Amino acid sequence: MHTPTSAPISRRACVALCLLVAGAWATSPALAKGPAKPDALPHLKWSDLVPKDWDPAEEVRKHMKVDNFDIISDSDPRMLQMLKQMREVWDNAPVNPAMDGARGRIPGYVVPLEETKAGLKEMLLVPYYGACIHSPPPPANQIIHVILSKPIKGYAAMDTVWVSGTLKAFRGDSYMGASGYKIEDAGLTRYEKNRPQTAQ
């Protein structure tokens, strides 16, 4: 588990981290397989949300105009430009058209967007711990904007959950990151290795 910190991440570390976590959603051991249940909805995988011919790490490297990343300091203007280019590439990441309209459930981590006294109403679902909060947002095709069917209490940032509903390709922007998909009227359950527990 990462320890929350308020220290700003350096530009150099930001780019390096994005290259490191590119593709992490496909191999995350904690969320790779969900509990088996006969009446469960189909398990949607994060790797299926990415077009098969799109490599996030390669897209970033293509836009890097520097041969040796290790020699660039955080204060180098090229680093700021590199970070800007990387964000443009990831914020415009293409979605997989085959997943538009797919119904099922997908595991991930909560990034709250709107909460009321009644509970959590709106959130982003992300594939790895710390995304959008302790580290830069993932590519847009790895962020799902979730609007819950009703407000639910008891959920906090980075809780592991199942979100169920119908996935729609939808470009959205929020203060926590750009999303490529949306699930409206969504269900939310806690992620447990043995069984999903419905939130009240």
Protein backbone atom coordinates (compact mmCIF):
# COMPACT_ATOMS: atom_id res chain seq x y z
CA MET A 1 0.00 0.00 0.00
CA HIS A 2 1.32 3.44 -0.88
CA THR A 3 1.56 6.07 1.79
CA PRO A 4 -0.41 9.22 0.90
CA THR A 5 1.74 12.28 0.47
CA SER A 6 1.12 15.91 -0.34
CA ALA A 7 4.60 16.46 -1.78
CA PRO A 8 4.44 17.44 -5.45
CA ILE A 9 5.81 14.88 -7.86
CA SER A 10 8.68 16.13 -10.04
CA ARG A 11 8.21 16.44 -13.79
CA ARG A 12 10.96 13.93 -14.45
CA ALA A 13 9.48 11.46 -11.99
CA CYS A 14 6.05 12.02 -13.52
CA VAL A 15 7.19 11.05 -17.02
CA ALA A 16 9.20 8.09 -15.69
CA LEU A 17 6.23 6.91 -13.63
CA CYS A 18 3.87 7.11 -16.59
CA LEU A 19 6.22 4.99 -18.68
CA LEU A 20 6.52 2.52 -15.82
CA VAL A 21 2.79 2.08 -15.21
CA ALA A 22 1.83 1.96 -18.91
CA GLY A 23 0.16 -1.41 -19.28
CA ALA A 24 -0.15 -1.98 -15.52
CA TRP A 25 -3.93 -2.47 -15.74
CA ALA A 26 -3.45 -5.64 -17.79
CA THR A 27 -1.22 -7.34 -15.21
CA SER A 28 -2.45 -6.01 -11.86
CA PRO A 29 -2.48 -9.14 -9.64
CA ALA A 30 -4.94 -7.69 -7.14
CA LEU A 31 -7.62 -7.10 -9.75
CA ALA A 32 -6.73 -9.61 -12.45
CA LYS A 33 -9.47 -12.14 -11.55
CA GLY A 34 -12.70 -11.61 -9.78
CA PRO A 35 -14.72 -13.95 -7.59
CA ALA A 36 -16.61 -16.61 -9.52
CA LYS A 37 -20.36 -16.49 -9.12
CA PRO A 38 -22.91 -18.23 -11.39
CA ASP A 39 -25.28 -15.25 -11.62
CA ALA A 40 -22.53 -12.65 -11.92
CA LEU A 41 -22.32 -10.25 -14.85
CA PRO A 42 -19.51 -10.82 -17.36
CA HIS A 43 -16.11 -9.68 -16.08
CA LEU A 44 -14.88 -6.72 -18.17
CA LYS A 45 -11.09 -6.45 -18.31
CA TRP A 46 -9.12 -3.21 -18.39
CA SER A 47 -6.94 -4.55 -21.20
CA ASP A 48 -10.08 -4.92 -23.37
CA LEU A 49 -10.71 -1.16 -23.16
CA VAL A 50 -7.52 -0.45 -25.11
CA PRO A 51 -7.45 -0.92 -28.91
CA LYS A 52 -5.14 -3.85 -29.67
CA ASP A 53 -2.90 -1.73 -31.91
CA TRP A 54 -2.41 1.08 -29.34
CA ASP A 55 0.59 0.95 -27.00
CA PRO A 56 0.53 3.79 -24.43
CA ALA A 57 4.24 3.59 -23.64
CA GLU A 58 5.19 3.58 -27.31
CA GLU A 59 2.93 6.56 -28.01
CA VAL A 60 4.71 8.56 -25.29
CA ARG A 61 8.16 7.55 -26.53
CA LYS A 62 7.27 8.58 -30.09
CA HIS A 63 6.58 12.10 -28.86
CA MET A 64 9.75 12.36 -26.81
CA LYS A 65 12.29 14.47 -28.67
CA VAL A 66 15.17 13.44 -26.41
CA ASP A 67 17.58 10.57 -27.02
CA ASN A 68 18.71 10.11 -23.43
CA PHE A 69 15.94 10.72 -20.89
CA ASP A 70 18.27 10.07 -17.92
CA ILE A 71 20.40 13.16 -18.51
CA ILE A 72 17.51 15.65 -18.49
CA SER A 73 16.93 17.52 -15.25
CA ASP A 74 13.51 18.41 -13.89
CA SER A 75 14.14 22.10 -14.58
CA ASP A 76 15.06 21.50 -18.24
CA PRO A 77 12.42 23.15 -20.52
CA ARG A 78 12.43 19.96 -22.59
CA MET A 79 11.08 18.08 -19.57
CA LEU A 80 8.08 20.40 -19.31
CA GLN A 81 7.46 20.00 -23.04
CA MET A 82 7.77 16.22 -22.73
CA LEU A 83 5.26 16.15 -19.89
CA LYS A 84 2.83 18.30 -21.87
CA GLN A 85 3.12 16.05 -24.94
CA MET A 86 2.65 12.94 -22.83
CA ARG A 87 -0.54 14.31 -21.28
CA GLU A 88 -1.92 15.24 -24.70
CA VAL A 89 -1.29 11.72 -25.98
CA TRP A 90 -2.84 10.06 -22.93
CA ASP A 91 -5.81 12.44 -22.60
CA ASN A 92 -6.71 11.63 -26.23
CA ALA A 93 -6.13 7.89 -25.96
CA PRO A 94 -8.48 6.00 -28.31
CA VAL A 95 -11.19 3.73 -26.96
CA ASN A 96 -12.03 0.25 -28.20
CA PRO A 97 -15.25 0.57 -30.26
CA ALA A 98 -16.09 -3.08 -29.56
CA MET A 99 -16.55 -2.21 -25.88
CA ASP A 100 -19.12 0.53 -26.51
CA GLY A 101 -22.36 -0.89 -25.12
CA ALA A 102 -20.72 -3.83 -23.33
CA ARG A 103 -22.58 -4.82 -20.17
CA GLY A 104 -20.76 -6.34 -17.23
CA ARG A 105 -18.73 -5.50 -14.17
CA ILE A 106 -15.18 -4.26 -13.80
CA PRO A 107 -12.91 -4.00 -10.74
CA GLY A 108 -10.92 -0.90 -9.92
CA TYR A 109 -10.13 1.90 -7.50
CA VAL A 110 -12.41 4.78 -6.46
CA VAL A 111 -11.56 8.40 -7.28
CA PRO A 112 -14.47 10.44 -5.82
CA LEU A 113 -15.87 13.30 -7.88
CA GLU A 114 -19.12 14.23 -6.12
CA GLU A 115 -20.29 13.39 -2.63
CA THR A 116 -23.32 14.61 -0.67
CA LYS A 117 -24.69 13.89 2.80
CA ALA A 118 -26.43 10.91 1.22
CA GLY A 119 -23.11 9.49 0.03
CA LEU A 120 -20.96 9.09 -3.07
CA LYS A 121 -22.80 10.04 -6.28
CA GLU A 122 -20.14 10.32 -8.94
CA MET A 123 -16.61 8.95 -9.32
CA LEU A 124 -13.85 7.87 -11.64
CA LEU A 125 -12.85 4.20 -11.73
CA VAL A 126 -9.14 3.61 -12.36
CA PRO A 127 -7.13 0.38 -12.76
CA TYR A 128 -4.28 0.86 -10.29
CA TYR A 129 -3.72 2.30 -6.83
CA GLY A 130 -2.88 5.99 -6.62
CA ALA A 131 -3.96 6.94 -10.14
CA CYS A 132 -5.19 10.56 -10.34
CA ILE A 133 -4.44 11.09 -6.63
CA HIS A 134 -0.86 10.03 -5.77
CA SER A 135 0.28 9.74 -9.40
CA PRO A 136 -0.68 11.20 -12.80
CA PRO A 137 -3.94 10.06 -14.43
CA PRO A 138 -3.71 7.00 -16.70
CA PRO A 139 -4.64 7.22 -20.41
CA ALA A 140 -8.27 8.24 -20.98
CA ASN A 141 -9.11 4.74 -22.19
CA GLN A 142 -8.17 3.52 -18.70
CA ILE A 143 -10.51 5.87 -16.81
CA ILE A 144 -14.26 5.26 -16.48
CA HIS A 145 -16.59 8.06 -15.38
CA VAL A 146 -19.15 6.42 -13.10
CA ILE A 147 -22.54 7.88 -12.16
CA LEU A 148 -24.14 5.72 -9.48
CA SER A 149 -27.79 4.71 -9.58
CA LYS A 150 -28.15 6.19 -6.08
CA PRO A 151 -25.79 7.82 -3.56
CA ILE A 152 -23.89 5.27 -1.46
CA LYS A 153 -22.18 5.88 1.89
CA GLY A 154 -19.01 4.31 3.22
CA TYR A 155 -16.63 4.65 0.26
CA ALA A 156 -13.36 6.58 0.21
CA ALA A 157 -10.64 7.38 -2.31
CA MET A 158 -8.71 4.32 -3.49
CA ASP A 159 -11.18 1.77 -2.10
CA THR A 160 -11.25 -1.35 -4.28
CA VAL A 161 -14.67 -1.98 -5.81
CA TRP A 162 -16.68 -3.64 -8.54
CA VAL A 163 -18.67 -1.31 -10.80
CA SER A 164 -21.48 -2.86 -12.83
CA GLY A 165 -23.53 -1.51 -15.70
CA THR A 166 -23.34 -0.70 -19.40
CA LEU A 167 -20.09 0.74 -20.66
CA LYS A 168 -20.36 3.65 -23.11
CA ALA A 169 -17.59 5.28 -25.12
CA PHE A 170 -17.80 8.86 -23.90
CA ARG A 171 -15.11 11.54 -23.75
CA GLY A 172 -15.27 13.34 -20.42
CA ASP A 173 -13.14 15.86 -18.56
CA SER A 174 -12.99 16.33 -14.82
CA TYR A 175 -10.60 18.00 -12.40
CA MET A 176 -9.15 14.52 -11.68
CA GLY A 177 -8.53 13.46 -15.27
CA ALA A 178 -9.93 12.83 -18.77
CA SER A 179 -12.07 9.71 -19.18
CA GLY A 180 -12.76 7.70 -22.33
CA TYR A 181 -15.70 5.69 -21.01
CA LYS A 182 -18.80 6.21 -18.90
CA ILE A 183 -21.19 3.99 -16.91
CA GLU A 184 -24.48 5.61 -15.89
CA ASP A 185 -26.99 4.16 -13.43
CA ALA A 186 -24.09 2.06 -12.14
CA GLY A 187 -24.04 -0.45 -9.32
CA LEU A 188 -21.22 -0.44 -6.78
CA THR A 189 -20.00 -3.32 -4.62
CA ARG A 190 -16.93 -3.85 -2.47
CA TYR A 191 -14.16 -5.90 -3.99
CA GLU A 192 -13.40 -9.02 -2.00
CA LYS A 193 -11.38 -12.04 -3.06
CA ASN A 194 -14.05 -14.51 -2.01
CA ARG A 195 -17.23 -12.68 -2.88
CA PRO A 196 -18.58 -9.26 -3.85
CA GLN A 197 -20.41 -7.49 -1.04
CA THR A 198 -23.25 -5.19 -2.03
CA ALA A 199 -22.97 -1.67 -0.65
CA GLN A 200 -25.93 -0.33 1.30
